[in-house]
Each structure stands twice: as structure tokens, then as C-alpha cells.
Amino acid sequence: MMTAKNGKKGYELEELLRAYFIRAGVYAVRGVPLRIDGDDLTDVDIWLYERPTGSSRRRQIVDAKSKTKPKAVERLFWTKGLYELLEVEGAYIATTDTRPLLKEMSRRLGLSVLDGADIKRMADSDRVLLPNRISEEEMLTKIRDFDKSRRTKETQNAYGDLKAALIDRFGGGTVNRALEHVAGFADALVFCHPKSNGAEVNLRLLYVAASISAIALDFSLTKVSFKSADERRRTMLNVIRYGEEDESRGLEKVRIATALIERYAPNGSAVAQSVSQAIKLDFSKIPAEIIADHILKNLKSDGLFRLARSLELRAFSADLLGFDDLPAEEKSFLGVLLDFSGIDRSSVAEGWVSSVAAKQVGKSIESAVVEDIGPLFDQPKSEDETSG
């Protein structure tokens, strides 16, 4: 339902901007919740993840407002504060305002502005909006309708939590949460009637969760891009098991808990040692090798980023492609995530059989992204690009 604060024009602007960034080779997510200590504070209109070079990554946020009298100056200060709070690498403000003052102020604040002229160029171009794609609002409507039929908000909450992980401990923490949601959506899909609304919703969200898993794994690997193969593998295993690149950091909470047991429990030393050994054994049983070895042996350096972008497109395609009809690389990666989660691949495949239209669209979906739309306006360069 449209509200006064987030009306149709605002949604249309965000969809236009997301399409532009996707066309420009960036991974883009709309409506990312900012939660601190369990409280929903605000939403990031668009969250961006970019791969400017082989060894660098850039996260940016976009504040988009479409109003008759946009308070663009105030939004600049608000966006600057959010940019610093989230510790991302860049921020945009997109506004219908066209005053030259905005460019100067944004320069001083270290922000980028997409003003009314930039937005008009995007809107007038016939190469920006992606064909055969549902909007975020249509996705949310499908999810709400599915939840309503079950008298719950479980799927809505899961989708919100999945997106919130993009700005809450992004990296290893995101990997853990995204993999949990992969398992959750896949399990829900298996128990839905094939080709039902529930099956469609859970397959779409499964693709979203898999794509977020891919970019979070990509970000984690960037930190060890120049290390040996053994070190990269060890880092990936730690990320999947503990949510941290380093095992010692991942086990920090375990050490704190066992120290308290040792100090306060009867026969504390023996109990603490037993608990510590049992937890470490459980962690070692997590089959992280399934994912790590597949990625390191079968994907090129940009493989995870490409998979993230293509799976996101599958999730929002109007004609939904089933698991069995995915291209080999996407199907293999998603299959590995299902194996890790203990979900039967064939059961997921049976949940949604692709239509003829979906198969036709599926073959052209990659070309719709890699098509060069041209420089509609100058984009800021990363430090790596300017120094190189």
C-alpha cells in the first residue's frame, strides 16, 4: 500500500535508479532496513556493491527522494550522517532538485548528487529500465499475499532480516545469515504445492538469499586476495563456520562463556573444558568444505560477483526460471548451497517448472545486463581507480 511518505513517484524513482546501477555493472538492493539493538531506525533506499578492480570492493548508499519541493540540502546532511554511521565507501543523493548549489555542497561533504537533469536523462533513455522485471513493490505484494494466506508475517520478516544483513556486520556475518535463509526458503519451497504462489515466492527469495551469500563471500575473499591458496581456503572455511575470517575471533564468545562456567559452576574447570570441546566439535562438523572447495576450484576471480548479479535478476524476472533450467554455473552454485543445507536438489526443482516464456527470457537475461548503456553522467571514481 502506498503511503504519503513513500508514494508511487518515489518508488518509480528508486526502480529507475536501481535499474541504472544494475545496467552499470553494480549489485543493487532496494529498501535495506537499518536495525540497531533490535530497533528499526530507517531504510537505506538503495544499497550498492561494486567491484571496481580485482582486489577492491566498494559499498555505497543512495538516498532517493522525488517531491515537488525536495528538501535536497537537508537530505545531504542526513545522507552524510548515515554514510558515516554505516562506514561505507560512498553515498549518493538522488533528487529532482536542479539547483547548482547542490553540486558544490555535495563536493564539500564528499557525496555524489544525481540531480533533476541526471534523472531526466535516465528517464528519457530507452536503455535503462530492465525488461520483463517485477518491482520491489510487486515482490513485497507477493510475499504479503503468501503470508496472509497462512496468517503470519514469517516470510516478510525473513526477507527483511536477509536484507538487513547487508549493513549489519557485512562480510562473514552476512554469509552466515544468508546461508540460514537459503536453507529456510528452500525448506519452505519443498513443502509448498508445486507451481503455487508459495512456491513462487520462496523460489524468488531463495535466489535472493543465494545472491547475497555470493557477494558476502566475495567481500570476505577480497581481504585475502593476495594470500596463498591454502590461506584463502582456510579463510573461507572460517567465514562459513564462524562468521569471521579468523577462527580465534569466531570462537571468542565461546571462550567468554566457558570462562564464566569455569569460574562460577560447580566443578567448573572440567565442565568448561567439556563444553568447549563439544562446541568445537559441532563447528568442525559444519560441511563448509562443500562451498569453499566449489568456489575456489570452479569459479574465476569475478565468479561470485557475476553469480550474485545473475541470481538477483532471476529473482525479479517476471517469468520465473526454475532450478533445473538455470545456466550451469548458477545451478551448480545454488546446488552446492542446497547440499550444504541438507536440502534435496530434486525436491527444490520439482517445486517450480519453468514456462516456455521463462526459458526464452532466461536465455536473454544476461545480455540485458551487460549491454553498455553509455555514460549518462559522470560517476565518481574509487581511490584505486584515481591512483591507478
Foldseek 3Di string as FASTA:
>chain_A
DADPQCHPVNQVLLLLVCLQVLLVVKDKDAFAFADDPRDGDGTQGMWIWHPPDLQDIFIETEAEDEDPDDPLVVVLVVQLVVCVVLVTQAYEYEYQDDDPVNCVVCVVSRHHYCYNLLSVLSVPDPLRRFPQFDGPVVLVVLLVVVCVVVVHCVSVVLLNVLSNCCRPLQALSNLQSLLVLLLVLLVQLLPDAAPDSSVLSSLLVNLLSLLSNLVSLLVQLSVCVPPDPVLSLQQQLCSNLQSGSDVCVSCVVLVVVLVVQLVPPVVSVVVSVVSSVVVVVVSVPQPSVLQSVCCSPPADSCRSSVLSSLSNRLSGRNQHAALVLAPPSNNSNSVSSCVSSVHDPVSRRRRYHGDPVSNVCNVCNVVSNNDNPDPSDDDDDGPVVVVD
